[in-house]
């Protein structure tokens, strides 16, 4: 079953008419930022959900389908906000606080006020808005699925740009995720400024480099 508006309609019936779906991309990557998006769907989508019939959990779509869905979401959303937290802040605060920070940034970037939040498997402490954390929310809630696509496409584009600065790592191919190609590049060239130095695969490479320098 693709995501739908049943959760949104339930909240609207309880007196929360303006809902923001929130999701992130890049949480488990070895390099690059964690990106979050907040999406408020327009009244037109609530009247005609088929306007977003191509929207699904971003992980279930091809890159081409995500790009197409991104354009349609931008057309039919009442509001979109994006938050970006770079690798050095992920290293400073940890991935969970960094992810929450990106989500709060996305929420603050919305052009409209909201009544409640639907968040994919996360909770925002200190935010007084009503929140519902939904496991696999991007496959259940259309608002969260839309946010997942905005976050994923935004982050992928950033990593393609990063590839122009650091072509030896293949960021355009793997987007910073842990792949065999990425592992080989990391071992050969060492970490770039975009790598998360508190993540174990990068820590292992740093330790090996330090060991090699010590032996010289």
C-alpha atoms as a PDB file:
ATOM      1  CA  UNK A   1       0.000   0.000   0.000  1.00  0.00           C
ATOM      2  CA  UNK A   2       1.408   3.416  -0.924  1.00  0.00           C
ATOM      3  CA  UNK A   3       1.279   6.214   1.652  1.00  0.00           C
ATOM      4  CA  UNK A   4      -2.057   7.979   1.990  1.00  0.00           C
ATOM      5  CA  UNK A   5      -3.803  10.727   3.955  1.00  0.00           C
ATOM      6  CA  UNK A   6      -5.635   8.617   6.540  1.00  0.00           C
ATOM      7  CA  UNK A   7      -3.352   9.741   9.379  1.00  0.00           C
ATOM      8  CA  UNK A   8      -3.604  13.363   8.274  1.00  0.00           C
ATOM      9  CA  UNK A   9      -7.399  13.210   8.075  1.00  0.00           C
ATOM     10  CA  UNK A  10      -7.541  11.717  11.582  1.00  0.00           C
ATOM     11  CA  UNK A  11      -5.531  14.628  12.984  1.00  0.00           C
ATOM     12  CA  UNK A  12      -7.595  17.177  11.087  1.00  0.00           C
ATOM     13  CA  UNK A  13     -10.759  15.650  12.555  1.00  0.00           C
ATOM     14  CA  UNK A  14      -9.250  16.201  16.028  1.00  0.00           C
ATOM     15  CA  UNK A  15      -8.839  19.922  15.361  1.00  0.00           C
ATOM     16  CA  UNK A  16      -5.344  20.135  13.854  1.00  0.00           C
ATOM     17  CA  UNK A  17      -5.959  21.318  10.288  1.00  0.00           C
ATOM     18  CA  UNK A  18      -2.409  22.262   9.246  1.00  0.00           C
ATOM     19  CA  UNK A  19       0.033  19.365   9.437  1.00  0.00           C
ATOM     20  CA  UNK A  20       3.707  19.178   8.550  1.00  0.00           C
ATOM     21  CA  UNK A  21       5.285  15.885   7.554  1.00  0.00           C
ATOM     22  CA  UNK A  22       8.982  15.686   8.465  1.00  0.00           C
ATOM     23  CA  UNK A  23      11.679  13.243   7.345  1.00  0.00           C
ATOM     24  CA  UNK A  24      15.446  13.109   6.842  1.00  0.00           C
ATOM     25  CA  UNK A  25      17.968  11.773   4.372  1.00  0.00           C
ATOM     26  CA  UNK A  26      21.578  10.768   4.906  1.00  0.00           C
ATOM     27  CA  UNK A  27      21.466   9.722   8.524  1.00  0.00           C
ATOM     28  CA  UNK A  28      23.622   6.643   8.004  1.00  0.00           C
ATOM     29  CA  UNK A  29      26.049   8.035   5.431  1.00  0.00           C
ATOM     30  CA  UNK A  30      29.795   8.148   5.950  1.00  0.00           C
ATOM     31  CA  UNK A  31      30.101  11.568   4.339  1.00  0.00           C
ATOM     32  CA  UNK A  32      28.067  14.676   3.672  1.00  0.00           C
ATOM     33  CA  UNK A  33      25.280  16.387   5.590  1.00  0.00           C
ATOM     34  CA  UNK A  34      22.104  15.075   7.102  1.00  0.00           C
ATOM     35  CA  UNK A  35      19.203  16.822   5.373  1.00  0.00           C
ATOM     36  CA  UNK A  36      15.647  17.122   6.661  1.00  0.00           C
ATOM     37  CA  UNK A  37      12.506  18.429   5.003  1.00  0.00           C
ATOM     38  CA  UNK A  38       9.146  19.568   6.318  1.00  0.00           C
ATOM     39  CA  UNK A  39       6.174  19.546   3.932  1.00  0.00           C
ATOM     40  CA  UNK A  40       2.685  20.984   4.381  1.00  0.00           C
ATOM     41  CA  UNK A  41       0.325  19.683   1.719  1.00  0.00           C
ATOM     42  CA  UNK A  42      -2.128  22.049   0.061  1.00  0.00           C
ATOM     43  CA  UNK A  43      -5.903  21.851   0.424  1.00  0.00           C
ATOM     44  CA  UNK A  44      -5.992  20.757  -3.217  1.00  0.00           C
ATOM     45  CA  UNK A  45      -4.108  17.578  -2.298  1.00  0.00           C
ATOM     46  CA  UNK A  46      -6.549  16.816   0.522  1.00  0.00           C
ATOM     47  CA  UNK A  47      -9.404  17.273  -1.952  1.00  0.00           C
ATOM     48  CA  UNK A  48      -7.655  15.266  -4.676  1.00  0.00           C
ATOM     49  CA  UNK A  49      -4.910  12.971  -3.278  1.00  0.00           C
ATOM     50  CA  UNK A  50      -4.230  11.571  -6.746  1.00  0.00           C
ATOM     51  CA  UNK A  51      -2.331  14.785  -7.462  1.00  0.00           C
ATOM     52  CA  UNK A  52       0.523  13.081  -5.580  1.00  0.00           C
ATOM     53  CA  UNK A  53      -0.119   9.551  -6.840  1.00  0.00           C
ATOM     54  CA  UNK A  54       3.569   9.159  -7.776  1.00  0.00           C
ATOM     55  CA  UNK A  55       4.741   9.960  -4.244  1.00  0.00           C
ATOM     56  CA  UNK A  56       6.041   7.053  -2.181  1.00  0.00           C
ATOM     57  CA  UNK A  57       8.748   6.375   0.362  1.00  0.00           C
ATOM     58  CA  UNK A  58      11.819   7.849  -1.361  1.00  0.00           C
ATOM     59  CA  UNK A  59      13.722   4.577  -0.890  1.00  0.00           C
ATOM     60  CA  UNK A  60      11.133   2.802  -3.067  1.00  0.00           C
ATOM     61  CA  UNK A  61      11.620   5.152  -6.037  1.00  0.00           C
ATOM     62  CA  UNK A  62      14.316   5.392  -8.679  1.00  0.00           C
ATOM     63  CA  UNK A  63      16.382   8.573  -8.863  1.00  0.00           C
ATOM     64  CA  UNK A  64      14.449   9.632 -11.958  1.00  0.00           C
ATOM     65  CA  UNK A  65      11.085   8.988 -10.281  1.00  0.00           C
ATOM     66  CA  UNK A  66      12.203  10.962  -7.205  1.00  0.00           C
ATOM     67  CA  UNK A  67      13.134  13.939  -9.376  1.00  0.00           C
ATOM     68  CA  UNK A  68       9.723  13.850 -11.061  1.00  0.00           C
ATOM     69  CA  UNK A  69       7.947  13.526  -7.713  1.00  0.00           C
ATOM     70  CA  UNK A  70      10.036  16.392  -6.316  1.00  0.00           C
ATOM     71  CA  UNK A  71       8.725  18.710  -9.025  1.00  0.00           C
ATOM     72  CA  UNK A  72       5.118  17.673  -8.447  1.00  0.00           C
ATOM     73  CA  UNK A  73       5.443  18.110  -4.654  1.00  0.00           C
ATOM     74  CA  UNK A  74       6.870  21.597  -5.140  1.00  0.00           C
ATOM     75  CA  UNK A  75       3.816  22.400  -7.279  1.00  0.00           C
ATOM     76  CA  UNK A  76       1.208  21.098  -4.847  1.00  0.00           C
ATOM     77  CA  UNK A  77       2.688  21.838  -1.421  1.00  0.00           C
ATOM     78  CA  UNK A  78       1.400  24.726   0.662  1.00  0.00           C
ATOM     79  CA  UNK A  79       4.815  24.982   2.281  1.00  0.00           C
ATOM     80  CA  UNK A  80       8.264  23.353   2.162  1.00  0.00           C
ATOM     81  CA  UNK A  81      11.172  23.837   4.551  1.00  0.00           C
ATOM     82  CA  UNK A  82      14.635  22.270   4.377  1.00  0.00           C
ATOM     83  CA  UNK A  83      17.308  21.903   7.059  1.00  0.00           C
ATOM     84  CA  UNK A  84      20.933  20.938   6.443  1.00  0.00           C
ATOM     85  CA  UNK A  85      23.484  19.993   9.102  1.00  0.00           C
ATOM     86  CA  UNK A  86      27.046  19.373   7.850  1.00  0.00           C
ATOM     87  CA  UNK A  87      29.426  16.591   8.783  1.00  0.00           C
ATOM     88  CA  UNK A  88      31.477  18.620  11.273  1.00  0.00           C
ATOM     89  CA  UNK A  89      28.368  19.322  13.354  1.00  0.00           C
ATOM     90  CA  UNK A  90      27.350  15.668  13.150  1.00  0.00           C
ATOM     91  CA  UNK A  91      30.774  14.858  14.590  1.00  0.00           C
ATOM     92  CA  UNK A  92      30.417  17.543  17.266  1.00  0.00           C
ATOM     93  CA  UNK A  93      26.934  16.655  18.516  1.00  0.00           C
ATOM     94  CA  UNK A  94      26.202  13.115  17.316  1.00  0.00           C
ATOM     95  CA  UNK A  95      23.906  11.948  14.546  1.00  0.00           C
ATOM     96  CA  UNK A  96      20.650  11.928  16.555  1.00  0.00           C
ATOM     97  CA  UNK A  97      20.968  15.535  17.829  1.00  0.00           C
ATOM     98  CA  UNK A  98      22.177  16.600  14.377  1.00  0.00           C
ATOM     99  CA  UNK A  99      19.173  14.947  12.729  1.00  0.00           C
ATOM    100  CA  UNK A 100      16.817  16.670  15.143  1.00  0.00           C
ATOM    101  CA  UNK A 101      18.556  19.987  14.485  1.00  0.00           C
ATOM    102  CA  UNK A 102      18.047  19.547  10.738  1.00  0.00           C
ATOM    103  CA  UNK A 103      14.370  18.781  11.354  1.00  0.00           C
ATOM    104  CA  UNK A 104      13.957  21.890  13.506  1.00  0.00           C
ATOM    105  CA  UNK A 105      15.681  23.965  10.828  1.00  0.00           C
ATOM    106  CA  UNK A 106      13.244  22.558   8.253  1.00  0.00           C
ATOM    107  CA  UNK A 107      10.291  23.338  10.499  1.00  0.00           C
ATOM    108  CA  UNK A 108      11.483  26.930  11.032  1.00  0.00           C
ATOM    109  CA  UNK A 109      12.005  27.340   7.283  1.00  0.00           C
ATOM    110  CA  UNK A 110       8.341  26.649   6.519  1.00  0.00           C
ATOM    111  CA  UNK A 111       6.525  29.694   5.133  1.00  0.00           C
ATOM    112  CA  UNK A 112       3.383  28.909   7.124  1.00  0.00           C
ATOM    113  CA  UNK A 113       2.412  28.117  10.710  1.00  0.00           C
ATOM    114  CA  UNK A 114       1.454  24.524  11.516  1.00  0.00           C
ATOM    115  CA  UNK A 115      -0.743  22.890  14.155  1.00  0.00           C
ATOM    116  CA  UNK A 116       0.940  19.475  14.478  1.00  0.00           C
ATOM    117  CA  UNK A 117       3.898  17.440  13.246  1.00  0.00           C
ATOM    118  CA  UNK A 118       4.039  13.979  11.711  1.00  0.00           C
ATOM    119  CA  UNK A 119       7.636  12.764  11.982  1.00  0.00           C
ATOM    120  CA  UNK A 120       9.249   9.637  10.603  1.00  0.00           C
ATOM    121  CA  UNK A 121      10.575   7.631  13.571  1.00  0.00           C
ATOM    122  CA  UNK A 122      11.811  10.678  15.481  1.00  0.00           C
ATOM    123  CA  UNK A 123      10.778  13.090  18.208  1.00  0.00           C
ATOM    124  CA  UNK A 124      11.695  16.753  18.673  1.00  0.00           C
ATOM    125  CA  UNK A 125      12.289  17.554  22.358  1.00  0.00           C
ATOM    126  CA  UNK A 126      11.625  21.143  23.295  1.00  0.00           C
ATOM    127  CA  UNK A 127       9.167  21.722  20.466  1.00  0.00           C
ATOM    128  CA  UNK A 128       5.772  22.514  21.965  1.00  0.00           C
ATOM    129  CA  UNK A 129       3.759  21.591  18.879  1.00  0.00           C
ATOM    130  CA  UNK A 130       1.776  18.365  19.025  1.00  0.00           C
ATOM    131  CA  UNK A 131       3.866  15.580  17.468  1.00  0.00           C
ATOM    132  CA  UNK A 132       3.326  12.025  16.315  1.00  0.00           C
ATOM    133  CA  UNK A 133       6.351   9.831  15.688  1.00  0.00           C
ATOM    134  CA  UNK A 134       5.512   7.197  13.102  1.00  0.00           C
ATOM    135  CA  UNK A 135       7.614   4.094  12.495  1.00  0.00           C
ATOM    136  CA  UNK A 136       7.932   3.668   8.725  1.00  0.00           C
ATOM    137  CA  UNK A 137       6.061   6.941   8.472  1.00  0.00           C
ATOM    138  CA  UNK A 138       7.318   7.533   4.931  1.00  0.00           C
ATOM    139  CA  UNK A 139       5.380   4.474   3.778  1.00  0.00           C
ATOM    140  CA  UNK A 140       2.221   5.415   5.726  1.00  0.00           C
ATOM    141  CA  UNK A 141       1.765   9.193   5.624  1.00  0.00           C
ATOM    142  CA  UNK A 142       1.682  11.116   2.346  1.00  0.00           C
ATOM    143  CA  UNK A 143       3.014  14.229   4.092  1.00  0.00           C
ATOM    144  CA  UNK A 144       6.031  12.330   5.434  1.00  0.00           C
ATOM    145  CA  UNK A 145       6.593  10.572   2.096  1.00  0.00           C
ATOM    146  CA  UNK A 146       6.636  13.969   0.379  1.00  0.00           C
ATOM    147  CA  UNK A 147       9.158  15.216   2.947  1.00  0.00           C
ATOM    148  CA  UNK A 148      11.322  12.142   2.401  1.00  0.00           C
ATOM    149  CA  UNK A 149      11.516  12.890  -1.321  1.00  0.00           C
ATOM    150  CA  UNK A 150      12.330  16.569  -0.812  1.00  0.00           C
ATOM    151  CA  UNK A 151      15.085  15.656   1.665  1.00  0.00           C
ATOM    152  CA  UNK A 152      16.526  12.880  -0.499  1.00  0.00           C
ATOM    153  CA  UNK A 153      16.589  14.846  -3.753  1.00  0.00           C
ATOM    154  CA  UNK A 154      18.055  17.898  -2.008  1.00  0.00           C
ATOM    155  CA  UNK A 155      20.796  15.826  -0.421  1.00  0.00           C
ATOM    156  CA  UNK A 156      21.572  13.891  -3.611  1.00  0.00           C
ATOM    157  CA  UNK A 157      22.027  17.157  -5.485  1.00  0.00           C
ATOM    158  CA  UNK A 158      24.409  18.407  -2.786  1.00  0.00           C
ATOM    159  CA  UNK A 159      26.481  15.233  -3.072  1.00  0.00           C
ATOM    160  CA  UNK A 160      26.636  15.514  -6.860  1.00  0.00           C
ATOM    161  CA  UNK A 161      28.012  19.024  -6.346  1.00  0.00           C
ATOM    162  CA  UNK A 162      30.474  17.678  -3.775  1.00  0.00           C
ATOM    163  CA  UNK A 163      31.706  15.210  -6.376  1.00  0.00           C
ATOM    164  CA  UNK A 164      32.990  18.112  -8.450  1.00  0.00           C
ATOM    165  CA  UNK A 165      35.201  19.188  -5.550  1.00  0.00           C
ATOM    166  CA  UNK A 166      36.277  15.687  -4.513  1.00  0.00           C
ATOM    167  CA  UNK A 167      35.901  13.499  -7.628  1.00  0.00           C
ATOM    168  CA  UNK A 168      38.201  10.778  -6.296  1.00  0.00           C
ATOM    169  CA  UNK A 169      35.569   9.581  -3.796  1.00  0.00           C
ATOM    170  CA  UNK A 170      32.700   8.965  -6.217  1.00  0.00           C
ATOM    171  CA  UNK A 171      30.142  10.969  -4.242  1.00  0.00           C
ATOM    172  CA  UNK A 172      27.929  11.387  -7.324  1.00  0.00           C
ATOM    173  CA  UNK A 173      27.636   7.601  -7.500  1.00  0.00           C
ATOM    174  CA  UNK A 174      27.062   6.560  -3.881  1.00  0.00           C
ATOM    175  CA  UNK A 175      26.041   9.912  -2.301  1.00  0.00           C
ATOM    176  CA  UNK A 176      28.257   9.262   0.722  1.00  0.00           C
ATOM    177  CA  UNK A 177      26.709   5.927   1.687  1.00  0.00           C
ATOM    178  CA  UNK A 178      28.873   2.983   2.659  1.00  0.00           C
ATOM    179  CA  UNK A 179      29.621   1.057  -0.526  1.00  0.00           C
ATOM    180  CA  UNK A 180      32.598  -0.980  -1.696  1.00  0.00           C
ATOM    181  CA  UNK A 181      33.582   1.832  -4.075  1.00  0.00           C
ATOM    182  CA  UNK A 182      33.431   4.357  -1.246  1.00  0.00           C
ATOM    183  CA  UNK A 183      35.409   2.072   1.071  1.00  0.00           C
ATOM    184  CA  UNK A 184      38.194   1.667  -1.477  1.00  0.00           C
ATOM    185  CA  UNK A 185      38.387   5.415  -2.129  1.00  0.00           C
ATOM    186  CA  UNK A 186      38.435   6.151   1.587  1.00  0.00           C
ATOM    187  CA  UNK A 187      41.277   3.673   2.119  1.00  0.00           C
ATOM    188  CA  UNK A 188      43.240   5.077  -0.819  1.00  0.00           C
ATOM    189  CA  UNK A 189      42.809   8.813  -0.251  1.00  0.00           C
ATOM    190  CA  UNK A 190      41.885   9.121   3.411  1.00  0.00           C
ATOM    191  CA  UNK A 191      38.915  11.179   4.637  1.00  0.00           C
ATOM    192  CA  UNK A 192      37.847  14.376   2.900  1.00  0.00           C
ATOM    193  CA  UNK A 193      36.524  17.431   4.795  1.00  0.00           C
ATOM    194  CA  UNK A 194      33.043  16.072   4.093  1.00  0.00           C
ATOM    195  CA  UNK A 195      33.584  12.768   5.897  1.00  0.00           C
ATOM    196  CA  UNK A 196      32.074  12.092   9.318  1.00  0.00           C
ATOM    197  CA  UNK A 197      35.115  11.386  11.430  1.00  0.00           C
ATOM    198  CA  UNK A 198      33.158   9.914  14.328  1.00  0.00           C
ATOM    199  CA  UNK A 199      31.634   7.185  12.132  1.00  0.00           C
ATOM    200  CA  UNK A 200      33.375   3.852  12.561  1.00  0.00           C
ATOM    201  CA  UNK A 201      34.468   3.215   8.938  1.00  0.00           C
ATOM    202  CA  UNK A 202      36.112   6.644   8.839  1.00  0.00           C
ATOM    203  CA  UNK A 203      37.597   6.179  12.312  1.00  0.00           C
ATOM    204  CA  UNK A 204      39.123   2.898  11.132  1.00  0.00           C
ATOM    205  CA  UNK A 205      40.808   4.624   8.184  1.00  0.00           C
ATOM    206  CA  UNK A 206      42.093   7.422  10.409  1.00  0.00           C
ATOM    207  CA  UNK A 207      43.507   4.862  12.820  1.00  0.00           C
ATOM    208  CA  UNK A 208      45.241   3.052   9.973  1.00  0.00           C
ATOM    209  CA  UNK A 209      46.718   6.299   8.682  1.00  0.00           C
ATOM    210  CA  UNK A 210      47.969   7.176  12.158  1.00  0.00           C
ATOM    211  CA  UNK A 211      49.496   3.698  12.510  1.00  0.00           C
ATOM    212  CA  UNK A 212      51.225   4.066   9.141  1.00  0.00           C
ATOM    213  CA  UNK A 213      52.672   7.473  10.088  1.00  0.00           C
ATOM    214  CA  UNK A 214      53.852   6.124  13.454  1.00  0.00           C
ATOM    215  CA  UNK A 215      55.769   3.303  11.748  1.00  0.00           C
ATOM    216  CA  UNK A 216      57.687   5.683   9.498  1.00  0.00           C
END
